Amino acid sequence: MGSYCELYISNYSIASTKNEIDPFLLSIFQTEDIRTFDRKIEERHQLLHGIEDESEEVENAIQYINSAKNIRDRLNVMGFTLEKSKENFKESKAESLLQLKEWFNDSSFNSSERMNESLTSQIDVLENSSFDDFLKASKEIIDNKYGYDTKIEELPKDINPIILYLLDHGYGLDRFPHNYDQRTLLRALLEITPPDTPITYDITELAEGGYYEQEPDSIYDEVIGNWSYDYELGDKFLILAEGTSDINTIKKSLDLLYPHLSGYYSFMDFGISNASGSASSLEASVKSFVGADIKNKIIALFDNDTAAASAIKGLSKTKIPGNIKIKKYPELDIAKDYPTIGPTGITNMDVNGLAGSLEMYFGIDVLTENKELIPIQWKGYDSSLKKYQGEIINKTMVQKKFDKKLKECIADREKIENYDWSGIDSLLQMIFETFNE
């Protein structure tokens, strides 16, 4: 019979593989998601093919588990957005319709009344059903736990015909049009899944059956590391920024606010590499990566200021490949009317694109001193752009305030809600969406 591993939404199986772990499904988890515990074989979730051994024998269960919300965030970062699921649904449905109609018109294949009725019914379902219709039917299947042993004749006579279409082959939701990649199917189904629902990838049978001889903690690296057909599968997004301080702050903020996503990103540490920190040095780094033909997905983050605009202008004549994205920190609402120090004293103005260093994203609580926003000081002038470069005064003090805020929340995550993270969050959200644009 072989051994199976299966992916569950709560305790409903939506995908399975025989005699091997699916590296694509495993990629939506991280090593810290693994759970091992003893259980009786009969306590397993009901597998699609059924539990053959209902004895009280104890096995060492091995599962990867995380919440629906966190898995959805990870899929979005990996490019499996709701929009992609809808596009793949449309493409897969069209392919299925084309195949069904070819069979319908092939007299050697469609040679009985029963086959004619079946093909007609399937074509009708696909032609008259939308993505949302399939989601609604899938929710009903999951809620009612219709599975491999569901008898069609025992279902209500007025049941949604899409449900009959999906259950026809007895393999869960594989017939939901999704273009083969189960991550696309899962992303679609997460739209109907409460955020706290556990998503579980159970590999117990394969480990118990001797298909993987490594210790449980090493199986993840073995499966992902040995998959050589898709370099993106095991590789992380590489983040470049203008300096060591920026890199460290973004990394710590990501670890704090989105710990379930931090494993998908790595950061170029300027301190370790001895690279200097500035917009011009980041410009040079990007050109070096382009010249080296690096295949990893890279996000080069420039400040939201004049120096960054000048550096990005310097890249305009460089052919940037699709795996390298040039981004400026996003515009800030608070920066649209911000105090600046000029020849005539304090003047409020829009400093987006002029003085948007990372410190401006630290939150209004950090940027406020004595109930007033810490102002921007104008410095150098870029003659080619005809713009001044601004910088927040007391920059070191601002950095220390934010570092204290970070340390306090790292020590006690419940304090996160006591502070303003809107600026940093907008930056992180931009990072997450960069390769989905």
Protein backbone atom coordinates (compact mmCIF):
# COMPACT_ATOMS: atom_id res chain seq x y z
CA MET A 1 0.00 0.00 0.00
CA GLY A 2 2.85 2.38 0.69
CA SER A 3 2.97 5.24 3.18
CA TYR A 4 1.40 8.68 2.96
CA CYS A 5 1.98 12.17 4.28
CA GLU A 6 -0.90 14.60 4.29
CA LEU A 7 -1.74 18.28 4.61
CA TYR A 8 -4.65 19.18 6.85
CA ILE A 9 -6.84 22.20 7.41
CA SER A 10 -7.83 21.53 11.01
CA ASN A 11 -8.47 17.77 10.79
CA TYR A 12 -9.56 17.66 7.15
CA SER A 13 -7.02 16.38 4.63
CA ILE A 14 -6.75 18.45 1.45
CA ALA A 15 -3.60 16.99 -0.13
CA SER A 16 -1.49 13.83 0.13
CA THR A 17 1.61 12.27 -1.39
CA LYS A 18 2.65 8.64 -1.38
CA ASN A 19 6.11 7.44 -0.32
CA GLU A 20 7.65 10.93 -0.35
CA ILE A 21 7.36 14.36 1.24
CA ASP A 22 6.20 17.08 -1.13
CA PRO A 23 9.01 19.68 -0.94
CA PHE A 24 6.69 22.43 -2.17
CA LEU A 25 4.21 21.84 0.64
CA LEU A 26 7.03 21.51 3.15
CA SER A 27 8.41 24.88 2.01
CA ILE A 28 5.45 26.72 3.58
CA PHE A 29 6.67 25.56 6.98
CA GLN A 30 9.89 26.27 8.86
CA THR A 31 12.01 24.01 11.05
CA GLU A 32 10.63 25.63 14.20
CA ASP A 33 7.11 24.46 13.22
CA ILE A 34 7.93 20.80 13.85
CA ARG A 35 6.10 18.95 16.63
CA THR A 36 6.91 15.42 17.77
CA PHE A 37 4.85 13.45 20.28
CA ASP A 38 3.67 9.93 21.04
CA ARG A 39 0.15 8.88 20.02
CA LYS A 40 -1.81 5.75 19.33
CA ILE A 41 -2.13 4.93 15.63
CA GLU A 42 -5.90 5.04 15.95
CA GLU A 43 -5.63 8.67 17.12
CA ARG A 44 -4.35 9.90 13.76
CA HIS A 45 -6.49 12.21 11.71
CA GLN A 46 -8.60 10.12 9.37
CA LEU A 47 -6.43 9.80 6.27
CA LEU A 48 -7.94 10.01 2.81
CA HIS A 49 -7.17 6.34 2.21
CA GLY A 50 -8.36 5.35 5.67
CA ILE A 51 -6.58 4.00 8.72
CA GLU A 52 -5.83 0.32 8.19
CA ASP A 53 -4.29 -0.28 11.61
CA GLU A 54 -6.67 0.74 14.39
CA SER A 55 -4.65 -0.93 17.13
CA GLU A 56 -3.53 0.85 20.26
CA GLU A 57 0.10 0.63 19.15
CA VAL A 58 1.97 3.85 19.93
CA GLU A 59 3.89 5.75 17.25
CA ASN A 60 6.08 8.83 17.29
CA ALA A 61 4.02 11.47 15.46
CA ILE A 62 5.93 14.03 13.39
CA GLN A 63 4.04 17.09 12.21
CA TYR A 64 4.68 20.60 10.98
CA ILE A 65 2.01 22.93 12.37
CA ASN A 66 1.22 26.63 12.16
CA SER A 67 -1.86 28.82 12.04
CA ALA A 68 -3.89 29.56 8.91
CA LYS A 69 -3.03 33.26 9.25
CA ASN A 70 0.71 32.64 9.39
CA ILE A 71 0.63 30.14 6.52
CA ARG A 72 -1.38 32.59 4.42
CA ASP A 73 1.22 35.31 5.12
CA ARG A 74 4.00 32.95 4.06
CA LEU A 75 2.22 31.96 0.86
CA ASN A 76 1.72 35.63 -0.01
CA VAL A 77 5.43 36.31 0.51
CA MET A 78 6.27 33.35 -1.73
CA GLY A 79 4.03 34.76 -4.47
CA PHE A 80 0.99 32.55 -3.86
CA THR A 81 -1.47 35.40 -3.51
CA LEU A 82 -5.24 35.26 -3.77
CA GLU A 83 -4.94 36.87 -7.20
CA LYS A 84 -2.62 34.10 -8.36
CA SER A 85 -5.04 31.45 -7.07
CA LYS A 86 -7.83 33.09 -9.06
CA GLU A 87 -5.69 33.25 -12.20
CA ASN A 88 -4.68 29.60 -11.86
CA PHE A 89 -8.30 28.64 -11.23
CA LYS A 90 -9.31 30.31 -14.48
CA GLU A 91 -6.50 28.67 -16.45
CA SER A 92 -7.04 25.21 -14.94
CA LYS A 93 -10.80 25.37 -15.45
CA ALA A 94 -10.30 26.28 -19.11
CA GLU A 95 -7.90 23.35 -19.57
CA SER A 96 -10.37 20.96 -17.94
CA LEU A 97 -13.23 22.19 -20.09
CA LEU A 98 -11.16 21.77 -23.24
CA GLN A 99 -10.30 18.18 -22.28
CA LEU A 100 -13.88 17.31 -21.32
CA LYS A 101 -15.27 18.68 -24.57
CA GLU A 102 -12.71 16.73 -26.59
CA TRP A 103 -13.81 13.55 -24.81
CA PHE A 104 -17.47 14.47 -25.28
CA ASN A 105 -16.97 14.81 -29.05
CA ASP A 106 -14.85 11.65 -29.32
CA SER A 107 -17.23 8.81 -30.16
CA SER A 108 -14.61 6.19 -29.29
CA PHE A 109 -14.40 7.63 -25.76
CA ASN A 110 -17.97 8.83 -25.21
CA SER A 111 -19.63 5.57 -26.18
CA SER A 112 -22.32 5.13 -23.51
CA GLU A 113 -25.24 7.06 -22.09
CA ARG A 114 -23.66 6.98 -18.65
CA MET A 115 -20.42 8.52 -19.94
CA ASN A 116 -22.42 11.11 -21.88
CA GLU A 117 -24.31 12.12 -18.75
CA SER A 118 -21.13 12.31 -16.69
CA LEU A 119 -19.29 14.49 -19.22
CA THR A 120 -22.33 16.73 -19.69
CA SER A 121 -22.65 17.20 -15.93
CA GLN A 122 -18.96 18.04 -15.46
CA ILE A 123 -18.97 20.53 -18.35
CA ASP A 124 -22.09 22.17 -16.95
CA VAL A 125 -20.55 22.54 -13.49
CA LEU A 126 -17.36 24.14 -14.79
CA GLU A 127 -19.05 26.44 -17.28
CA ASN A 128 -21.52 27.78 -14.73
CA SER A 129 -19.38 28.06 -11.60
CA SER A 130 -16.99 30.76 -10.41
CA PHE A 131 -13.99 30.74 -8.10
CA ASP A 132 -16.22 31.88 -5.22
CA ASP A 133 -18.72 29.12 -6.02
CA PHE A 134 -15.98 26.51 -5.66
CA LEU A 135 -14.83 28.08 -2.38
CA LYS A 136 -18.37 27.94 -1.00
CA ALA A 137 -18.69 24.27 -1.97
CA SER A 138 -15.26 23.49 -0.49
CA LYS A 139 -16.24 25.09 2.81
CA GLU A 140 -19.33 22.89 2.96
CA ILE A 141 -17.20 19.80 2.27
CA ILE A 142 -14.70 20.69 5.00
CA ASP A 143 -17.36 21.67 7.52
CA ASN A 144 -19.24 18.40 6.95
CA LYS A 145 -16.01 16.37 6.69
CA TYR A 146 -17.07 14.73 3.44
CA GLY A 147 -14.15 12.46 2.56
CA TYR A 148 -13.00 9.26 0.92
CA ASP A 149 -15.74 7.18 2.55
CA THR A 150 -18.64 9.53 1.76
CA LYS A 151 -21.40 7.73 -0.11
CA ILE A 152 -22.88 9.96 -2.78
CA GLU A 153 -26.26 8.30 -2.48
CA GLU A 154 -26.43 9.31 1.20
CA LEU A 155 -25.95 13.02 0.46
CA PRO A 156 -28.98 15.37 0.25
CA LYS A 157 -30.73 15.21 -3.12
CA ASP A 158 -30.54 18.99 -3.52
CA ILE A 159 -26.82 19.16 -2.67
CA ASN A 160 -24.66 21.67 -4.52
CA PRO A 161 -23.54 19.98 -7.79
CA ILE A 162 -20.03 21.39 -7.30
CA ILE A 163 -19.74 19.24 -4.17
CA LEU A 164 -20.56 16.14 -6.22
CA TYR A 165 -17.97 17.23 -8.81
CA LEU A 166 -15.29 17.65 -6.14
CA LEU A 167 -16.09 14.36 -4.40
CA ASP A 168 -16.43 12.35 -7.59
CA HIS A 169 -12.99 10.71 -7.44
CA GLY A 170 -12.86 10.41 -3.65
CA TYR A 171 -9.55 12.31 -3.28
CA GLY A 172 -10.55 15.32 -1.23
CA LEU A 173 -10.33 18.66 -3.01
CA ASP A 174 -7.84 17.79 -5.76
CA ARG A 175 -10.48 18.54 -8.40
CA PHE A 176 -10.65 22.19 -7.35
CA PRO A 177 -9.05 23.86 -10.42
CA HIS A 178 -5.61 25.00 -9.23
CA ASN A 179 -3.00 24.16 -11.89
CA TYR A 180 -1.32 21.27 -10.02
CA ASP A 181 0.64 23.21 -7.37
CA GLN A 182 -1.04 22.39 -4.06
CA ARG A 183 0.17 25.69 -2.60
CA THR A 184 -2.22 27.47 -4.97
CA LEU A 185 -5.08 25.28 -3.77
CA LEU A 186 -4.21 25.84 -0.13
CA ARG A 187 -4.00 29.62 -0.64
CA ALA A 188 -7.50 29.60 -2.12
CA LEU A 189 -8.92 27.50 0.72
CA LEU A 190 -7.36 29.76 3.36
CA GLU A 191 -9.85 32.43 2.27
CA ILE A 192 -12.58 30.35 3.93
CA THR A 193 -10.49 29.27 6.91
CA PRO A 194 -10.56 31.06 10.31
CA PRO A 195 -7.13 32.60 11.08
CA ASP A 196 -6.42 30.50 14.17
CA THR A 197 -7.16 27.17 12.44
CA PRO A 198 -4.15 24.82 12.59
CA ILE A 199 -2.59 23.86 9.26
CA THR A 200 -0.78 20.56 9.68
CA TYR A 201 1.60 18.59 7.46
CA ASP A 202 1.81 15.09 8.93
CA ILE A 203 4.83 13.04 7.80
CA THR A 204 4.55 10.35 10.47
CA GLU A 205 3.89 7.38 8.17
CA LEU A 206 6.95 8.08 6.03
CA ALA A 207 9.24 8.45 9.02
CA GLU A 208 7.79 5.34 10.67
CA GLY A 209 8.08 3.45 7.38
CA GLY A 210 11.81 4.18 7.09
CA TYR A 211 11.63 6.43 4.02
CA TYR A 212 13.70 9.05 5.86
CA GLU A 213 16.48 7.89 8.16
CA GLN A 214 17.37 11.33 9.54
CA GLU A 215 16.31 12.59 12.92
CA PRO A 216 13.01 14.54 12.70
CA ASP A 217 14.77 17.90 13.10
CA SER A 218 16.98 17.15 10.07
CA ILE A 219 14.29 15.99 7.63
CA TYR A 220 13.32 19.54 6.63
CA ASP A 221 16.83 20.52 5.52
CA GLU A 222 17.28 17.18 3.77
CA VAL A 223 14.09 17.48 1.71
CA ILE A 224 14.44 21.18 0.84
CA GLY A 225 18.20 21.00 0.30
CA ASN A 226 18.02 18.06 -2.11
CA TRP A 227 15.37 19.63 -4.34
CA SER A 228 17.41 20.85 -7.30
CA TYR A 229 14.73 21.72 -9.83
CA ASP A 230 13.63 25.03 -8.36
CA TYR A 231 16.35 27.25 -6.89
CA GLU A 232 13.72 29.47 -5.28
CA LEU A 233 12.43 26.66 -3.09
CA GLY A 234 15.16 26.68 -0.46
CA ASP A 235 16.63 30.11 -1.08
CA LYS A 236 15.72 33.15 0.98
CA PHE A 237 14.96 36.66 -0.21
CA LEU A 238 18.14 38.69 0.29
CA ILE A 239 17.64 42.18 1.75
CA LEU A 240 20.16 44.94 1.09
CA ALA A 241 19.95 48.36 2.74
CA GLU A 242 22.11 51.44 3.11
CA GLY A 243 23.99 50.46 6.24
CA THR A 244 24.52 48.21 9.24
CA SER A 245 22.12 50.13 11.46
CA ASP A 246 19.29 49.88 8.93
CA ILE A 247 19.90 46.17 8.36
CA ASN A 248 19.95 45.35 12.07
CA THR A 249 16.83 47.41 12.79
CA ILE A 250 14.78 45.94 9.94
CA LYS A 251 15.83 42.40 10.87
CA LYS A 252 14.97 42.85 14.56
CA SER A 253 11.65 44.46 13.66
CA LEU A 254 10.80 41.59 11.31
CA ASP A 255 11.70 39.04 13.99
CA LEU A 256 9.50 40.86 16.51
CA LEU A 257 6.44 41.71 14.43
CA TYR A 258 6.39 38.82 11.94
CA PRO A 259 8.43 35.96 13.43
CA HIS A 260 6.64 33.44 11.19
CA LEU A 261 8.08 35.19 8.12
CA SER A 262 11.63 35.95 9.26
CA GLY A 263 12.90 32.56 8.07
CA TYR A 264 12.21 33.55 4.45
CA TYR A 265 14.62 36.52 4.50
CA SER A 266 18.34 36.96 4.93
CA PHE A 267 20.19 40.25 5.30
CA MET A 268 23.49 41.47 3.96
CA ASP A 269 25.35 42.50 7.09
CA PHE A 270 27.50 45.49 6.22
CA GLY A 271 29.46 45.08 9.44
CA ILE A 272 30.55 41.55 8.56
CA SER A 273 31.26 42.35 4.93
CA ASN A 274 33.04 45.61 5.80
CA ALA A 275 30.92 47.40 3.23
CA SER A 276 30.32 51.06 4.02
CA GLY A 277 26.79 52.28 4.62
CA SER A 278 25.33 54.88 2.26
CA ALA A 279 23.05 55.20 -0.74
CA SER A 280 26.07 55.26 -3.05
CA SER A 281 27.52 52.07 -1.54
CA LEU A 282 24.16 50.33 -1.94
CA GLU A 283 24.11 51.48 -5.55
CA ALA A 284 27.55 49.94 -6.03
CA SER A 285 26.43 46.70 -4.35
CA VAL A 286 23.46 46.39 -6.69
CA LYS A 287 25.73 46.85 -9.71
CA SER A 288 28.06 44.17 -8.32
CA PHE A 289 25.18 41.70 -7.90
CA VAL A 290 23.98 42.42 -11.43
CA GLY A 291 27.48 41.86 -12.79
CA ALA A 292 27.86 38.60 -10.87
CA ASP A 293 24.59 37.28 -12.34
CA ILE A 294 23.27 36.30 -8.91
CA LYS A 295 20.05 34.27 -9.23
CA ASN A 296 18.62 34.82 -5.76
CA LYS A 297 15.71 37.18 -5.32
CA ILE A 298 17.15 40.42 -3.97
CA ILE A 299 15.44 43.52 -2.57
CA ALA A 300 17.63 46.63 -2.43
CA LEU A 301 16.10 49.07 0.07
CA PHE A 302 16.98 52.74 -0.32
CA ASP A 303 15.98 55.48 2.08
CA ASN A 304 13.09 57.76 1.16
CA ASP A 305 15.34 60.78 0.69
CA THR A 306 17.30 62.86 -1.80
CA ALA A 307 20.52 60.83 -1.57
CA ALA A 308 18.57 57.68 -2.39
CA ALA A 309 16.86 59.34 -5.36
CA SER A 310 20.30 60.32 -6.69
CA ALA A 311 21.64 56.77 -6.26
CA ILE A 312 18.60 55.23 -7.95
CA LYS A 313 19.07 57.69 -10.80
CA GLY A 314 22.62 56.35 -11.07
CA LEU A 315 21.18 52.87 -11.64
CA SER A 316 18.94 54.00 -14.48
CA LYS A 317 21.48 52.98 -17.12
CA THR A 318 22.05 49.54 -15.55
CA LYS A 319 19.87 46.72 -16.84
CA ILE A 320 18.38 45.33 -13.65
CA PRO A 321 17.23 41.67 -13.96
CA GLY A 322 13.82 40.59 -12.70
CA ASN A 323 15.21 38.89 -9.60
CA ILE A 324 16.54 42.22 -8.25
CA LYS A 325 14.06 44.84 -7.10
CA ILE A 326 15.00 48.44 -6.35
CA LYS A 327 12.74 49.93 -3.69
CA LYS A 328 12.58 53.13 -1.68
CA TYR A 329 11.08 53.17 1.78
CA PRO A 330 7.36 53.92 1.38
CA GLU A 331 5.90 57.37 1.86
CA LEU A 332 4.76 58.22 5.37
CA ASP A 333 1.62 60.12 6.32
CA ILE A 334 3.39 61.71 9.27
CA ALA A 335 6.10 63.01 6.89
CA LYS A 336 3.57 64.94 4.78
CA ASP A 337 3.40 67.73 7.36
CA TYR A 338 6.59 67.52 9.36
CA PRO A 339 8.61 70.24 11.13
CA THR A 340 11.88 71.26 9.47
CA ILE A 341 14.60 73.70 10.49
CA GLY A 342 15.40 76.24 7.79
CA PRO A 343 16.76 79.81 7.50
CA THR A 344 13.43 81.20 8.70
CA GLY A 345 13.10 78.84 11.64
CA ILE A 346 10.67 75.92 12.06
CA THR A 347 8.53 75.23 8.98
CA ASN A 348 6.22 72.31 8.41
CA MET A 349 6.37 70.65 4.99
CA ASP A 350 6.22 67.31 3.15
CA VAL A 351 9.62 65.64 3.66
CA ASN A 352 8.81 62.41 1.80
CA GLY A 353 11.54 61.87 -0.78
CA LEU A 354 13.78 64.42 0.95
CA ALA A 355 14.48 63.25 4.48
CA GLY A 356 12.96 59.78 4.87
CA SER A 357 15.74 57.89 6.59
CA LEU A 358 14.79 54.78 8.57
CA GLU A 359 14.53 56.80 11.77
CA MET A 360 11.40 58.46 10.40
CA TYR A 361 9.70 55.03 10.51
CA PHE A 362 10.32 54.46 14.21
CA GLY A 363 6.84 55.61 15.27
CA ILE A 364 5.38 58.83 16.61
CA ASP A 365 6.25 57.74 20.15
CA VAL A 366 9.96 57.69 19.29
CA LEU A 367 9.85 60.81 17.10
CA THR A 368 8.24 62.91 19.84
CA GLU A 369 10.31 64.75 22.44
CA ASN A 370 8.78 67.16 24.96
CA LYS A 371 5.41 66.75 23.20
CA GLU A 372 6.86 68.01 19.92
CA LEU A 373 8.06 66.12 16.83
CA ILE A 374 11.84 66.11 16.52
CA PRO A 375 12.51 68.31 13.46
CA ILE A 376 14.44 67.69 10.26
CA GLN A 377 17.66 69.62 9.65
CA TRP A 378 18.46 70.51 6.03
CA LYS A 379 21.98 69.70 4.93
CA GLY A 380 23.54 69.10 1.51
CA TYR A 381 22.05 70.19 -1.83
CA ASP A 382 21.88 67.88 -4.86
CA SER A 383 22.26 70.12 -7.89
CA SER A 384 21.21 67.43 -10.40
CA LEU A 385 17.91 66.83 -8.61
CA LYS A 386 17.62 70.42 -7.32
CA LYS A 387 16.68 69.11 -3.89
CA TYR A 388 18.07 69.40 -0.38
CA GLN A 389 18.94 66.39 1.72
CA GLY A 390 17.40 66.37 5.19
CA GLU A 391 18.19 64.45 8.35
CA ILE A 392 16.44 64.21 11.69
CA ILE A 393 18.34 65.99 14.46
CA ASN A 394 19.58 64.02 17.46
CA LYS A 395 19.69 60.95 15.25
CA THR A 396 21.67 58.88 17.75
CA MET A 397 19.18 59.66 20.50
CA VAL A 398 16.29 58.61 18.24
CA GLN A 399 18.05 55.34 17.45
CA LYS A 400 18.60 54.63 21.16
CA LYS A 401 14.91 55.29 21.93
CA PHE A 402 13.83 52.84 19.26
CA ASP A 403 16.37 50.25 20.37
CA LYS A 404 14.97 50.51 23.91
CA LYS A 405 11.46 50.08 22.51
CA LEU A 406 12.55 46.99 20.57
CA LYS A 407 14.30 45.40 23.55
CA GLU A 408 11.32 45.99 25.82
CA CYS A 409 8.91 44.34 23.38
CA ILE A 410 11.27 41.45 22.62
CA ALA A 411 11.40 40.75 26.35
CA ASP A 412 7.61 41.00 26.68
CA ARG A 413 5.65 40.67 23.43
CA GLU A 414 2.44 41.82 25.13
CA LYS A 415 3.91 45.35 25.17
CA ILE A 416 3.96 45.55 21.37
CA GLU A 417 0.47 47.03 21.40
CA ASN A 418 1.65 49.89 23.62
CA TYR A 419 3.71 51.45 20.84
CA ASP A 420 3.34 52.87 17.35
CA TRP A 421 4.69 50.45 14.73
CA SER A 422 2.84 51.90 11.73
CA GLY A 423 5.96 53.22 9.99
CA ILE A 424 8.00 50.04 10.36
CA ASP A 425 4.95 47.95 9.48
CA SER A 426 4.42 49.87 6.22
CA LEU A 427 8.06 49.16 5.33
CA LEU A 428 7.74 45.46 6.13
CA GLN A 429 4.50 45.19 4.16
CA MET A 430 6.27 46.74 1.17
CA ILE A 431 9.01 44.10 1.48
CA PHE A 432 6.44 41.30 1.64
CA GLU A 433 4.67 42.52 -1.51
CA THR A 434 7.74 43.44 -3.57
CA PHE A 435 7.78 40.34 -5.77
CA ASN A 436 3.99 40.29 -6.12
CA GLU A 437 3.79 43.65 -7.86
